[in-house]
Protein backbone atom coordinates (compact mmCIF):
# COMPACT_ATOMS: atom_id res chain seq x y z
CA MET A 1 -69.14 -17.62 23.04
CA ASN A 2 -72.43 -16.41 24.02
CA GLU A 3 -73.67 -19.94 24.20
CA GLY A 4 -71.29 -20.87 26.61
CA ALA A 5 -68.71 -23.03 24.11
CA SER A 6 -65.14 -23.30 25.25
CA LEU A 7 -62.57 -21.85 23.26
CA ASN A 8 -61.14 -25.34 22.14
CA ASP A 9 -64.63 -26.17 20.76
CA ILE A 10 -64.83 -23.13 18.96
CA LEU A 11 -61.25 -23.49 17.43
CA HIS A 12 -62.27 -27.07 16.20
CA THR A 13 -65.45 -26.07 14.80
CA VAL A 14 -65.41 -22.47 13.23
CA GLU A 15 -64.42 -22.72 9.74
CA ALA A 16 -63.65 -20.07 7.34
CA PRO A 17 -65.88 -20.07 4.15
CA ARG A 18 -64.14 -21.80 1.45
CA ALA A 19 -65.23 -19.09 -1.02
CA LEU A 20 -63.47 -16.26 0.84
CA LEU A 21 -60.35 -18.65 1.34
CA GLU A 22 -59.97 -19.00 -2.45
CA LYS A 23 -59.72 -15.39 -2.99
CA PRO A 24 -56.15 -14.49 -3.50
CA TYR A 25 -56.31 -11.64 -1.11
CA LEU A 26 -57.62 -13.70 1.70
CA ARG A 27 -55.68 -16.89 1.40
CA PRO A 28 -54.07 -17.53 4.78
CA ILE A 29 -50.53 -17.27 3.68
CA TYR A 30 -49.24 -14.89 6.70
CA ASP A 31 -51.81 -15.50 9.23
CA ASP A 32 -54.39 -18.46 10.02
CA PRO A 33 -58.10 -18.35 10.56
CA GLU A 34 -57.48 -20.24 13.97
CA PHE A 35 -55.57 -17.18 15.11
CA ILE A 36 -58.09 -14.86 14.29
CA VAL A 37 -60.81 -16.99 16.27
CA ARG A 38 -58.19 -16.72 19.28
CA ASN A 39 -58.05 -12.93 18.85
CA VAL A 40 -61.89 -12.56 18.86
CA TRP A 41 -62.04 -14.52 21.86
CA ARG A 42 -59.49 -12.44 23.62
CA LEU A 43 -61.19 -9.36 22.66
CA TYR A 44 -64.71 -10.14 23.72
CA GLY A 45 -63.92 -13.36 26.15
CA GLY A 46 -60.50 -12.18 27.75
CA TRP A 47 -57.82 -14.82 28.64
CA TYR A 48 -59.96 -17.60 30.47
CA ASP A 49 -60.50 -20.44 27.90
CA PHE A 50 -63.28 -22.32 30.02
CA ASP A 51 -60.50 -25.09 30.77
CA ALA A 52 -60.57 -25.17 34.42
CA ALA A 53 -57.12 -26.76 34.51
CA ASN A 54 -55.74 -24.03 32.72
CA LEU A 55 -56.86 -21.37 35.36
CA LYS A 56 -54.07 -22.47 37.71
CA PRO A 57 -52.00 -25.04 35.43
CA ALA A 58 -49.12 -27.38 36.47
CA ARG A 59 -45.88 -26.78 35.34
CA HIS A 60 -45.18 -28.19 31.81
CA SER A 61 -42.25 -30.31 33.32
CA GLU A 62 -44.77 -32.05 36.01
CA LEU A 63 -47.40 -32.62 33.62
CA GLY A 64 -45.31 -34.03 31.05
CA ALA A 65 -43.54 -36.16 33.60
CA GLU A 66 -46.81 -37.83 34.95
CA ILE A 67 -48.11 -38.29 31.49
CA ALA A 68 -44.86 -39.84 30.54
CA ALA A 69 -44.85 -42.07 33.71
CA LEU A 70 -48.32 -43.43 32.60
CA ALA A 71 -47.43 -44.09 28.90
CA GLY A 72 -44.48 -45.96 29.89
CA GLY A 73 -41.80 -43.28 29.53
CA ALA A 74 -40.76 -40.05 27.38
CA ASP A 75 -39.39 -42.34 24.59
CA ARG A 76 -42.98 -44.16 24.37
CA LEU A 77 -44.46 -40.67 24.01
CA ALA A 78 -41.92 -39.65 21.28
CA GLU A 79 -42.88 -42.95 19.16
CA ARG A 80 -46.48 -42.43 19.42
CA ALA A 81 -45.72 -39.07 18.36
CA LEU A 82 -43.89 -40.03 15.35
CA ALA A 83 -46.57 -42.61 14.55
CA LEU A 84 -49.21 -39.91 14.92
CA VAL A 85 -47.34 -37.98 12.08
CA ALA A 86 -47.46 -41.22 9.98
CA GLU A 87 -51.07 -41.06 10.61
CA GLY A 88 -51.50 -37.56 9.55
CA ASN A 89 -52.57 -36.48 13.13
CA LEU A 90 -50.08 -33.41 13.30
CA ARG A 91 -51.93 -31.81 16.01
CA LEU A 92 -52.15 -34.45 18.56
CA ALA A 93 -48.41 -35.45 17.49
CA GLY A 94 -47.15 -32.16 18.52
CA HIS A 95 -48.56 -32.19 22.33
CA LEU A 96 -47.15 -35.73 22.65
CA ALA A 97 -43.77 -34.47 21.30
CA ASP A 98 -43.96 -31.63 23.78
CA TYR A 99 -44.90 -33.70 26.82
CA ALA A 100 -41.92 -36.16 25.76
CA ALA A 101 -39.51 -33.30 25.83
CA TYR A 102 -40.93 -31.89 28.88
CA ALA A 103 -40.55 -34.95 30.79
CA ALA A 104 -37.10 -35.81 29.40
CA PRO A 105 -35.41 -32.42 28.33
CA ASP A 106 -31.96 -33.65 27.97
CA ASP A 107 -33.05 -36.84 25.91
CA GLU A 108 -31.37 -36.50 22.51
CA ALA A 109 -33.69 -39.39 21.17
CA VAL A 110 -36.61 -37.41 22.23
CA HIS A 111 -35.67 -34.16 20.71
CA ARG A 112 -34.94 -35.71 17.49
CA ALA A 113 -38.39 -37.17 17.43
CA ARG A 114 -39.85 -33.76 18.44
CA ALA A 115 -37.89 -32.26 15.58
CA GLU A 116 -39.28 -34.43 13.17
CA VAL A 117 -43.07 -33.80 14.57
CA TYR A 118 -42.56 -30.02 13.98
CA GLU A 119 -40.68 -30.34 10.78
CA ALA A 120 -43.77 -32.45 9.43
CA ARG A 121 -45.82 -29.43 10.62
CA VAL A 122 -43.85 -26.85 8.92
CA ALA A 123 -44.33 -28.77 5.74
CA ALA A 124 -48.32 -29.24 6.34
CA GLU A 125 -48.88 -25.57 7.09
CA PRO A 126 -49.49 -22.90 4.64
CA SER A 127 -49.36 -19.69 6.97
CA LEU A 128 -46.03 -18.01 7.62
CA MET A 129 -46.89 -17.58 11.14
CA ALA A 130 -47.55 -21.19 11.82
CA LYS A 131 -44.46 -22.04 9.93
CA GLY A 132 -42.25 -19.86 11.97
CA VAL A 133 -43.32 -21.29 15.35
CA PHE A 134 -43.15 -24.72 14.24
CA GLY A 135 -39.91 -24.32 12.69
CA ALA A 136 -38.53 -22.61 15.89
CA ALA A 137 -39.66 -25.31 17.96
CA ALA A 138 -37.96 -28.02 15.42
CA ARG A 139 -34.79 -26.01 15.51
CA ASP A 140 -34.84 -25.75 19.26
CA SER A 141 -34.89 -29.64 19.35
CA ARG A 142 -32.25 -30.29 16.83
CA ALA A 143 -30.12 -27.80 18.54
CA LYS A 144 -30.47 -30.02 21.74
CA ALA A 145 -29.77 -33.37 19.74
CA PRO A 146 -27.17 -32.88 17.29
CA GLU A 147 -26.84 -35.71 14.54
């Protein structure tokens, strides 16, 4: 922070020491080290994350619609999200699945894909908090796209 790094940069570079994570009482079972980084950022840096677009962001629906238009449709975003899951890139898959759902909030196929993405994220997460958030996202989309 003191060197001017953004929250995003810090989130993707700071790692908890392996020796600490191996201690049974410090394993990230409930919380996640990334969440601690975010809390330290909020405590000492406030809410601004050094991403100027986040200062006064567009609505998610507008951003999703624009990205979907550039990609060739919400279905293309959803397909790519599922491909990213297969490649193991769950973080990026989550963004694309969300953009697809923002662009096409009533599209059942998009919501089925989004649910698959977040179910994969639940399966990959050790922390209860992350599992809960990702699980809620999956359930949300499953409710919008009953089989």
